[in-house]
PDB file of N, CA and C in Angstrom:
ATOM      1  N   MET A   1     -14.439  17.513 -17.150  1.00  0.00           N
ATOM      2  CA  MET A   1     -14.745  17.093 -16.062  1.00  0.00           C
ATOM      3  C   MET A   1     -14.401  17.216 -15.390  1.00  0.00           C
ATOM      4  N   LYS A   2     -15.666  17.372 -14.224  1.00  0.00           N
ATOM      5  CA  LYS A   2     -14.448  17.231 -12.862  1.00  0.00           C
ATOM      6  C   LYS A   2     -14.899  16.213 -12.094  1.00  0.00           C
ATOM      7  N   ILE A   3     -14.025  15.198 -11.488  1.00  0.00           N
ATOM      8  CA  ILE A   3     -14.080  13.975 -10.301  1.00  0.00           C
ATOM      9  C   ILE A   3     -13.533  14.564  -8.639  1.00  0.00           C
ATOM     10  N   ALA A   4     -14.301  14.631  -7.630  1.00  0.00           N
ATOM     11  CA  ALA A   4     -13.968  14.746  -6.816  1.00  0.00           C
ATOM     12  C   ALA A   4     -14.850  13.996  -4.939  1.00  0.00           C
ATOM     13  N   ILE A   5     -14.816  13.949  -4.366  1.00  0.00           N
ATOM     14  CA  ILE A   5     -15.057  13.397  -3.381  1.00  0.00           C
ATOM     15  C   ILE A   5     -16.506  13.836  -2.370  1.00  0.00           C
ATOM     16  N   CYS A   6     -17.642  13.277  -2.903  1.00  0.00           N
ATOM     17  CA  CYS A   6     -18.824  13.296  -2.693  1.00  0.00           C
ATOM     18  C   CYS A   6     -19.050  13.934  -1.260  1.00  0.00           C
ATOM     19  N   GLU A   7     -19.500  14.825  -1.114  1.00  0.00           N
ATOM     20  CA  GLU A   7     -19.967  15.344   0.442  1.00  0.00           C
ATOM     21  C   GLU A   7     -21.459  15.461   0.954  1.00  0.00           C
ATOM     22  N   VAL A   8     -21.722  15.526   1.667  1.00  0.00           N
ATOM     23  CA  VAL A   8     -23.826  15.476   1.988  1.00  0.00           C
ATOM     24  C   VAL A   8     -24.493  16.278   0.963  1.00  0.00           C
ATOM     25  N   SER A   9     -23.812  17.950   0.820  1.00  0.00           N
ATOM     26  CA  SER A   9     -24.240  18.036  -0.160  1.00  0.00           C
ATOM     27  C   SER A   9     -25.017  17.907  -1.437  1.00  0.00           C
ATOM     28  N   HIS A  10     -23.962  16.942  -1.883  1.00  0.00           N
ATOM     29  CA  HIS A  10     -24.164  15.824  -2.768  1.00  0.00           C
ATOM     30  C   HIS A  10     -25.590  14.723  -3.091  1.00  0.00           C
ATOM     31  N   PHE A  11     -25.820  14.681  -1.835  1.00  0.00           N
ATOM     32  CA  PHE A  11     -26.709  13.845  -1.554  1.00  0.00           C
ATOM     33  C   PHE A  11     -27.851  13.825  -2.367  1.00  0.00           C
ATOM     34  N   PRO A  12     -28.563  14.845  -2.580  1.00  0.00           N
ATOM     35  CA  PRO A  12     -29.619  14.745  -4.230  1.00  0.00           C
ATOM     36  C   PRO A  12     -29.300  14.012  -5.457  1.00  0.00           C
ATOM     37  N   GLU A  13     -28.045  14.603  -5.674  1.00  0.00           N
ATOM     38  CA  GLU A  13     -27.528  13.799  -7.478  1.00  0.00           C
ATOM     39  C   GLU A  13     -26.775  13.110  -7.322  1.00  0.00           C
ATOM     40  N   LEU A  14     -26.854  12.152  -5.982  1.00  0.00           N
ATOM     41  CA  LEU A  14     -25.997  11.162  -5.513  1.00  0.00           C
ATOM     42  C   LEU A  14     -27.481  10.247  -5.779  1.00  0.00           C
ATOM     43  N   THR A  15     -28.533  10.570  -4.910  1.00  0.00           N
ATOM     44  CA  THR A  15     -29.802   9.851  -4.955  1.00  0.00           C
ATOM     45  C   THR A  15     -30.120   9.624  -6.052  1.00  0.00           C
ATOM     46  N   THR A  16     -30.291  10.584  -7.112  1.00  0.00           N
ATOM     47  CA  THR A  16     -31.397  10.558  -8.362  1.00  0.00           C
ATOM     48  C   THR A  16     -30.277   9.650  -9.120  1.00  0.00           C
ATOM     49  N   VAL A  17     -28.822   9.475  -9.364  1.00  0.00           N
ATOM     50  CA  VAL A  17     -27.572   8.320  -9.869  1.00  0.00           C
ATOM     51  C   VAL A  17     -28.124   6.998  -9.495  1.00  0.00           C
ATOM     52  N   PHE A  18     -28.565   6.775  -8.136  1.00  0.00           N
ATOM     53  CA  PHE A  18     -28.575   5.609  -7.254  1.00  0.00           C
ATOM     54  C   PHE A  18     -29.871   5.017  -7.694  1.00  0.00           C
ATOM     55  N   PHE A  19     -30.704   5.975  -7.510  1.00  0.00           N
ATOM     56  CA  PHE A  19     -32.201   5.499  -7.938  1.00  0.00           C
ATOM     57  C   PHE A  19     -31.932   4.863  -9.595  1.00  0.00           C
ATOM     58  N   GLU A  20     -31.540   5.559 -10.983  1.00  0.00           N
ATOM     59  CA  GLU A  20     -31.578   5.411 -12.040  1.00  0.00           C
ATOM     60  C   GLU A  20     -31.252   3.620 -12.010  1.00  0.00           C
ATOM     61  N   MET A  21     -29.873   3.727 -11.551  1.00  0.00           N
ATOM     62  CA  MET A  21     -28.859   2.439 -11.315  1.00  0.00           C
ATOM     63  C   MET A  21     -29.947   1.291 -11.301  1.00  0.00           C
ATOM     64  N   GLU A  22     -30.362   1.472  -9.742  1.00  0.00           N
ATOM     65  CA  GLU A  22     -31.859   0.448  -9.055  1.00  0.00           C
ATOM     66  C   GLU A  22     -33.001   0.594  -9.611  1.00  0.00           C
ATOM     67  N   SER A  23     -33.626   1.298 -10.558  1.00  0.00           N
ATOM     68  CA  SER A  23     -34.381   1.075 -11.056  1.00  0.00           C
ATOM     69  C   SER A  23     -34.324   0.271 -12.657  1.00  0.00           C
ATOM     70  N   TYR A  24     -33.244   0.641 -13.267  1.00  0.00           N
ATOM     71  CA  TYR A  24     -32.356   0.239 -14.267  1.00  0.00           C
ATOM     72  C   TYR A  24     -32.887  -1.833 -13.950  1.00  0.00           C
ATOM     73  N   TYR A  25     -31.704  -1.641 -12.711  1.00  0.00           N
ATOM     74  CA  TYR A  25     -31.532  -3.439 -12.419  1.00  0.00           C
ATOM     75  C   TYR A  25     -32.223  -3.856 -12.069  1.00  0.00           C
ATOM     76  N   PHE A  26     -33.558  -3.858 -10.996  1.00  0.00           N
ATOM     77  CA  PHE A  26     -34.675  -3.869 -10.662  1.00  0.00           C
ATOM     78  C   PHE A  26     -35.951  -3.656 -10.884  1.00  0.00           C
ATOM     79  N   GLY A  27     -36.281  -2.991 -11.638  1.00  0.00           N
ATOM     80  CA  GLY A  27     -37.402  -2.389 -12.268  1.00  0.00           C
ATOM     81  C   GLY A  27     -38.384  -1.893 -11.119  1.00  0.00           C
ATOM     82  N   ARG A  28     -39.747  -2.813 -11.077  1.00  0.00           N
ATOM     83  CA  ARG A  28     -40.992  -2.130 -10.320  1.00  0.00           C
ATOM     84  C   ARG A  28     -40.181  -3.002  -8.803  1.00  0.00           C
ATOM     85  N   GLU A  29     -39.108  -3.307  -8.685  1.00  0.00           N
ATOM     86  CA  GLU A  29     -38.417  -3.767  -7.213  1.00  0.00           C
ATOM     87  C   GLU A  29     -37.751  -3.063  -6.706  1.00  0.00           C
ATOM     88  N   ALA A  30     -37.320  -2.098  -7.431  1.00  0.00           N
ATOM     89  CA  ALA A  30     -36.112  -0.669  -6.729  1.00  0.00           C
ATOM     90  C   ALA A  30     -36.775  -0.342  -5.903  1.00  0.00           C
ATOM     91  N   ALA A  31     -35.615   0.043  -4.586  1.00  0.00           N
ATOM     92  CA  ALA A  31     -36.276   0.736  -3.279  1.00  0.00           C
ATOM     93  C   ALA A  31     -36.504   2.303  -4.481  1.00  0.00           C
ATOM     94  N   SER A  32     -37.150   2.842  -3.204  1.00  0.00           N
ATOM     95  CA  SER A  32     -37.824   4.341  -4.080  1.00  0.00           C
ATOM     96  C   SER A  32     -36.808   5.357  -3.722  1.00  0.00           C
ATOM     97  N   TYR A  33     -36.668   6.314  -3.889  1.00  0.00           N
ATOM     98  CA  TYR A  33     -35.823   7.696  -4.216  1.00  0.00           C
ATOM     99  C   TYR A  33     -35.423   8.256  -2.750  1.00  0.00           C
ATOM    100  N   ASP A  34     -36.712   7.276  -1.771  1.00  0.00           N
ATOM    101  CA  ASP A  34     -36.618   8.149  -0.128  1.00  0.00           C
ATOM    102  C   ASP A  34     -36.134   6.875   0.662  1.00  0.00           C
ATOM    103  N   GLU A  35     -35.970   5.679  -0.146  1.00  0.00           N
ATOM    104  CA  GLU A  35     -35.643   4.861   1.266  1.00  0.00           C
ATOM    105  C   GLU A  35     -33.840   4.514   0.453  1.00  0.00           C
ATOM    106  N   ILE A  36     -33.345   5.287  -0.973  1.00  0.00           N
ATOM    107  CA  ILE A  36     -31.908   5.766  -1.090  1.00  0.00           C
ATOM    108  C   ILE A  36     -31.933   6.631  -0.562  1.00  0.00           C
ATOM    109  N   LEU A  37     -32.333   7.461  -0.028  1.00  0.00           N
ATOM    110  CA  LEU A  37     -31.056   8.808   0.179  1.00  0.00           C
ATOM    111  C   LEU A  37     -30.985   8.471   1.899  1.00  0.00           C
ATOM    112  N   SER A  38     -32.147   7.321   1.937  1.00  0.00           N
ATOM    113  CA  SER A  38     -32.027   7.839   3.797  1.00  0.00           C
ATOM    114  C   SER A  38     -30.613   6.225   3.895  1.00  0.00           C
ATOM    115  N   TYR A  39     -30.867   5.700   3.162  1.00  0.00           N
ATOM    116  CA  TYR A  39     -29.465   4.568   2.825  1.00  0.00           C
ATOM    117  C   TYR A  39     -28.227   5.069   2.788  1.00  0.00           C
ATOM    118  N   LEU A  40     -28.146   6.199   1.719  1.00  0.00           N
ATOM    119  CA  LEU A  40     -27.042   6.860   2.049  1.00  0.00           C
ATOM    120  C   LEU A  40     -26.807   7.909   3.136  1.00  0.00           C
ATOM    121  N   THR A  41     -27.904   8.792   3.195  1.00  0.00           N
ATOM    122  CA  THR A  41     -27.329   9.436   4.698  1.00  0.00           C
ATOM    123  C   THR A  41     -27.022   8.268   6.023  1.00  0.00           C
ATOM    124  N   HIS A  42     -27.570   7.123   6.221  1.00  0.00           N
ATOM    125  CA  HIS A  42     -27.490   6.717   7.367  1.00  0.00           C
ATOM    126  C   HIS A  42     -26.513   5.371   7.428  1.00  0.00           C
ATOM    127  N   LYS A  43     -26.618   4.789   6.335  1.00  0.00           N
ATOM    128  CA  LYS A  43     -25.397   4.134   6.047  1.00  0.00           C
ATOM    129  C   LYS A  43     -23.943   4.808   5.025  1.00  0.00           C
ATOM    130  N   VAL A  44     -24.675   4.588   3.859  1.00  0.00           N
ATOM    131  CA  VAL A  44     -22.953   5.223   2.889  1.00  0.00           C
ATOM    132  C   VAL A  44     -22.279   6.110   3.896  1.00  0.00           C
ATOM    133  N   PHE A  45     -23.093   7.168   4.207  1.00  0.00           N
ATOM    134  CA  PHE A  45     -21.404   8.673   4.371  1.00  0.00           C
ATOM    135  C   PHE A  45     -21.827   8.446   6.478  1.00  0.00           C
ATOM    136  N   SER A  46     -22.206   7.196   7.158  1.00  0.00           N
ATOM    137  CA  SER A  46     -22.312   6.771   8.155  1.00  0.00           C
ATOM    138  C   SER A  46     -21.038   6.889   8.181  1.00  0.00           C
ATOM    139  N   LEU A  47     -21.064   8.202   9.824  1.00  0.00           N
ATOM    140  CA  LEU A  47     -19.223   8.306  10.213  1.00  0.00           C
ATOM    141  C   LEU A  47     -18.911   6.853  10.031  1.00  0.00           C
ATOM    142  N   TYR A  48     -18.958   6.091  10.267  1.00  0.00           N
ATOM    143  CA  TYR A  48     -18.298   4.032  10.749  1.00  0.00           C
ATOM    144  C   TYR A  48     -18.713   3.447   9.747  1.00  0.00           C
ATOM    145  N   SER A  49     -18.448   4.088   8.661  1.00  0.00           N
ATOM    146  CA  SER A  49     -19.139   3.439   7.200  1.00  0.00           C
ATOM    147  C   SER A  49     -17.558   2.938   6.698  1.00  0.00           C
ATOM    148  N   GLY A  50     -16.509   4.354   7.077  1.00  0.00           N
ATOM    149  CA  GLY A  50     -15.840   3.906   5.702  1.00  0.00           C
ATOM    150  C   GLY A  50     -15.146   3.713   4.360  1.00  0.00           C
ATOM    151  N   VAL A  51     -16.991   4.121   3.811  1.00  0.00           N
ATOM    152  CA  VAL A  51     -16.597   4.755   2.493  1.00  0.00           C
ATOM    153  C   VAL A  51     -16.868   5.739   1.922  1.00  0.00           C
ATOM    154  N   THR A  52     -15.861   5.717   0.609  1.00  0.00           N
ATOM    155  CA  THR A  52     -15.892   7.458   0.344  1.00  0.00           C
ATOM    156  C   THR A  52     -16.129   7.016  -1.376  1.00  0.00           C
ATOM    157  N   VAL A  53     -16.808   8.184  -1.255  1.00  0.00           N
ATOM    158  CA  VAL A  53     -17.816   8.030  -3.062  1.00  0.00           C
ATOM    159  C   VAL A  53     -16.957   9.191  -4.057  1.00  0.00           C
ATOM    160  N   LEU A  54     -16.625   8.954  -4.994  1.00  0.00           N
ATOM    161  CA  LEU A  54     -15.886  10.133  -5.728  1.00  0.00           C
ATOM    162  C   LEU A  54     -17.370  10.255  -6.751  1.00  0.00           C
ATOM    163  N   GLY A  55     -17.177  11.363  -7.203  1.00  0.00           N
ATOM    164  CA  GLY A  55     -18.670  11.352  -8.498  1.00  0.00           C
ATOM    165  C   GLY A  55     -17.632  12.070  -9.142  1.00  0.00           C
ATOM    166  N   ALA A  56     -18.253  11.789 -10.487  1.00  0.00           N
ATOM    167  CA  ALA A  56     -18.357  12.772 -12.235  1.00  0.00           C
ATOM    168  C   ALA A  56     -18.835  13.918 -12.149  1.00  0.00           C
ATOM    169  N   TRP A  57     -18.633  14.759 -12.495  1.00  0.00           N
ATOM    170  CA  TRP A  57     -19.704  15.630 -12.870  1.00  0.00           C
ATOM    171  C   TRP A  57     -18.889  16.167 -14.333  1.00  0.00           C
ATOM    172  N   LYS A  58     -20.128  16.309 -15.284  1.00  0.00           N
ATOM    173  CA  LYS A  58     -20.059  16.859 -16.500  1.00  0.00           C
ATOM    174  C   LYS A  58     -20.808  17.646 -16.858  1.00  0.00           C
ATOM    175  N   ASN A  59     -21.024  19.064 -17.378  1.00  0.00           N
ATOM    176  CA  ASN A  59     -20.865  20.079 -17.530  1.00  0.00           C
ATOM    177  C   ASN A  59     -22.051  20.575 -16.298  1.00  0.00           C
ATOM    178  N   GLY A  60     -21.640  20.411 -14.766  1.00  0.00           N
ATOM    179  CA  GLY A  60     -22.467  20.787 -13.342  1.00  0.00           C
ATOM    180  C   GLY A  60     -22.964  19.891 -13.544  1.00  0.00           C
ATOM    181  N   THR A  61     -22.774  18.166 -13.713  1.00  0.00           N
ATOM    182  CA  THR A  61     -24.218  17.344 -13.558  1.00  0.00           C
ATOM    183  C   THR A  61     -23.905  16.230 -13.409  1.00  0.00           C
ATOM    184  N   LEU A  62     -23.721  15.665 -12.293  1.00  0.00           N
ATOM    185  CA  LEU A  62     -23.200  14.320 -11.780  1.00  0.00           C
ATOM    186  C   LEU A  62     -23.575  13.027 -12.976  1.00  0.00           C
ATOM    187  N   VAL A  63     -22.818  12.505 -13.618  1.00  0.00           N
ATOM    188  CA  VAL A  63     -22.922  11.842 -14.732  1.00  0.00           C
ATOM    189  C   VAL A  63     -22.826   9.484 -13.639  1.00  0.00           C
ATOM    190  N   GLY A  64     -21.410  10.109 -13.202  1.00  0.00           N
ATOM    191  CA  GLY A  64     -21.460   8.945 -12.422  1.00  0.00           C
ATOM    192  C   GLY A  64     -20.317   9.168 -10.991  1.00  0.00           C
ATOM    193  N   PHE A  65     -20.213   7.858 -10.547  1.00  0.00           N
ATOM    194  CA  PHE A  65     -19.338   7.946  -9.371  1.00  0.00           C
ATOM    195  C   PHE A  65     -18.776   6.481  -9.416  1.00  0.00           C
ATOM    196  N   ALA A  66     -17.570   5.959  -7.470  1.00  0.00           N
ATOM    197  CA  ALA A  66     -17.283   5.159  -8.008  1.00  0.00           C
ATOM    198  C   ALA A  66     -17.555   5.403  -5.901  1.00  0.00           C
ATOM    199  N   THR A  67     -16.938   4.386  -5.596  1.00  0.00           N
ATOM    200  CA  THR A  67     -17.190   4.055  -3.988  1.00  0.00           C
ATOM    201  C   THR A  67     -15.373   3.263  -4.266  1.00  0.00           C
ATOM    202  N   PHE A  68     -15.012   3.490  -2.645  1.00  0.00           N
ATOM    203  CA  PHE A  68     -13.905   2.831  -2.210  1.00  0.00           C
ATOM    204  C   PHE A  68     -13.930   2.748  -0.594  1.00  0.00           C
ATOM    205  N   THR A  69     -12.633   1.526  -0.282  1.00  0.00           N
ATOM    206  CA  THR A  69     -12.467   2.296   0.968  1.00  0.00           C
ATOM    207  C   THR A  69     -10.783   1.853   1.206  1.00  0.00           C
ATOM    208  N   LEU A  70     -10.189   2.497   2.797  1.00  0.00           N
ATOM    209  CA  LEU A  70      -9.084   2.045   2.635  1.00  0.00           C
ATOM    210  C   LEU A  70      -9.244   0.743   3.291  1.00  0.00           C
ATOM    211  N   MET A  71      -8.445  -0.259   2.896  1.00  0.00           N
ATOM    212  CA  MET A  71      -7.995  -1.550   3.865  1.00  0.00           C
ATOM    213  C   MET A  71      -6.840  -1.410   4.137  1.00  0.00           C
ATOM    214  N   PHE A  72      -6.247  -2.163   5.119  1.00  0.00           N
ATOM    215  CA  PHE A  72      -5.104  -2.799   5.608  1.00  0.00           C
ATOM    216  C   PHE A  72      -4.694  -3.926   5.789  1.00  0.00           C
ATOM    217  N   PRO A  73      -4.586  -4.496   4.958  1.00  0.00           N
ATOM    218  CA  PRO A  73      -4.690  -5.988   4.744  1.00  0.00           C
ATOM    219  C   PRO A  73      -3.237  -7.057   5.371  1.00  0.00           C
ATOM    220  N   ALA A  74      -2.192  -5.929   5.676  1.00  0.00           N
ATOM    221  CA  ALA A  74      -1.041  -6.020   6.295  1.00  0.00           C
ATOM    222  C   ALA A  74      -1.164  -6.835   7.879  1.00  0.00           C
ATOM    223  N   PRO A  75      -1.461  -7.850   8.822  1.00  0.00           N
ATOM    224  CA  PRO A  75      -2.311  -8.283   9.757  1.00  0.00           C
ATOM    225  C   PRO A  75      -1.273  -7.188  10.848  1.00  0.00           C
ATOM    226  N   ARG A  76      -0.567  -6.700  10.706  1.00  0.00           N
ATOM    227  CA  ARG A  76       0.381  -5.704  11.560  1.00  0.00           C
ATOM    228  C   ARG A  76      -0.326  -4.116  11.743  1.00  0.00           C
ATOM    229  N   CYS A  77      -1.392  -4.332  10.483  1.00  0.00           N
ATOM    230  CA  CYS A  77      -1.641  -2.796  11.098  1.00  0.00           C
ATOM    231  C   CYS A  77      -3.405  -2.473  10.632  1.00  0.00           C
ATOM    232  N   SER A  78      -3.661  -4.088  11.060  1.00  0.00           N
ATOM    233  CA  SER A  78      -4.581  -4.204  11.697  1.00  0.00           C
ATOM    234  C   SER A  78      -5.099  -4.037  13.279  1.00  0.00           C
ATOM    235  N   CYS A  79      -6.015  -3.024  13.572  1.00  0.00           N
ATOM    236  CA  CYS A  79      -6.486  -3.286  15.104  1.00  0.00           C
ATOM    237  C   CYS A  79      -6.471  -4.315  15.782  1.00  0.00           C
ATOM    238  N   LYS A  80      -7.190  -5.697  15.174  1.00  0.00           N
ATOM    239  CA  LYS A  80      -6.592  -6.624  15.906  1.00  0.00           C
ATOM    240  C   LYS A  80      -5.273  -7.341  16.439  1.00  0.00           C
ATOM    241  N   TYR A  81      -4.136  -6.365  15.543  1.00  0.00           N
ATOM    242  CA  TYR A  81      -2.683  -6.922  15.755  1.00  0.00           C
ATOM    243  C   TYR A  81      -2.175  -5.846  16.416  1.00  0.00           C
ATOM    244  N   PRO A  82      -2.728  -5.670  17.621  1.00  0.00           N
ATOM    245  CA  PRO A  82      -1.633  -4.387  17.911  1.00  0.00           C
ATOM    246  C   PRO A  82      -0.175  -4.231  17.785  1.00  0.00           C
ATOM    247  N   ALA A  83       0.630  -3.482  18.351  1.00  0.00           N
ATOM    248  CA  ALA A  83       2.524  -3.548  17.684  1.00  0.00           C
ATOM    249  C   ALA A  83       2.899  -4.003  19.278  1.00  0.00           C
TER     250      ALA A  83
END
């Protein structure tokens, strides 16, 4: 298994996995493939989102993902509280 940070080139694979998940949970109310692709492009992978997506590939196929963002919980590490 290969685990790596997803990049723009992984959009089609990620969109397929997101679509499967969306369909499982929301059935006929699920977002379309194109809506999910737009969401990933303009929201999740936006320069300003702060979200990183890790992908897990087995035999060259994306089989899962996880998302994370770095946070600074200490008040003096926040932009709001300059040193």
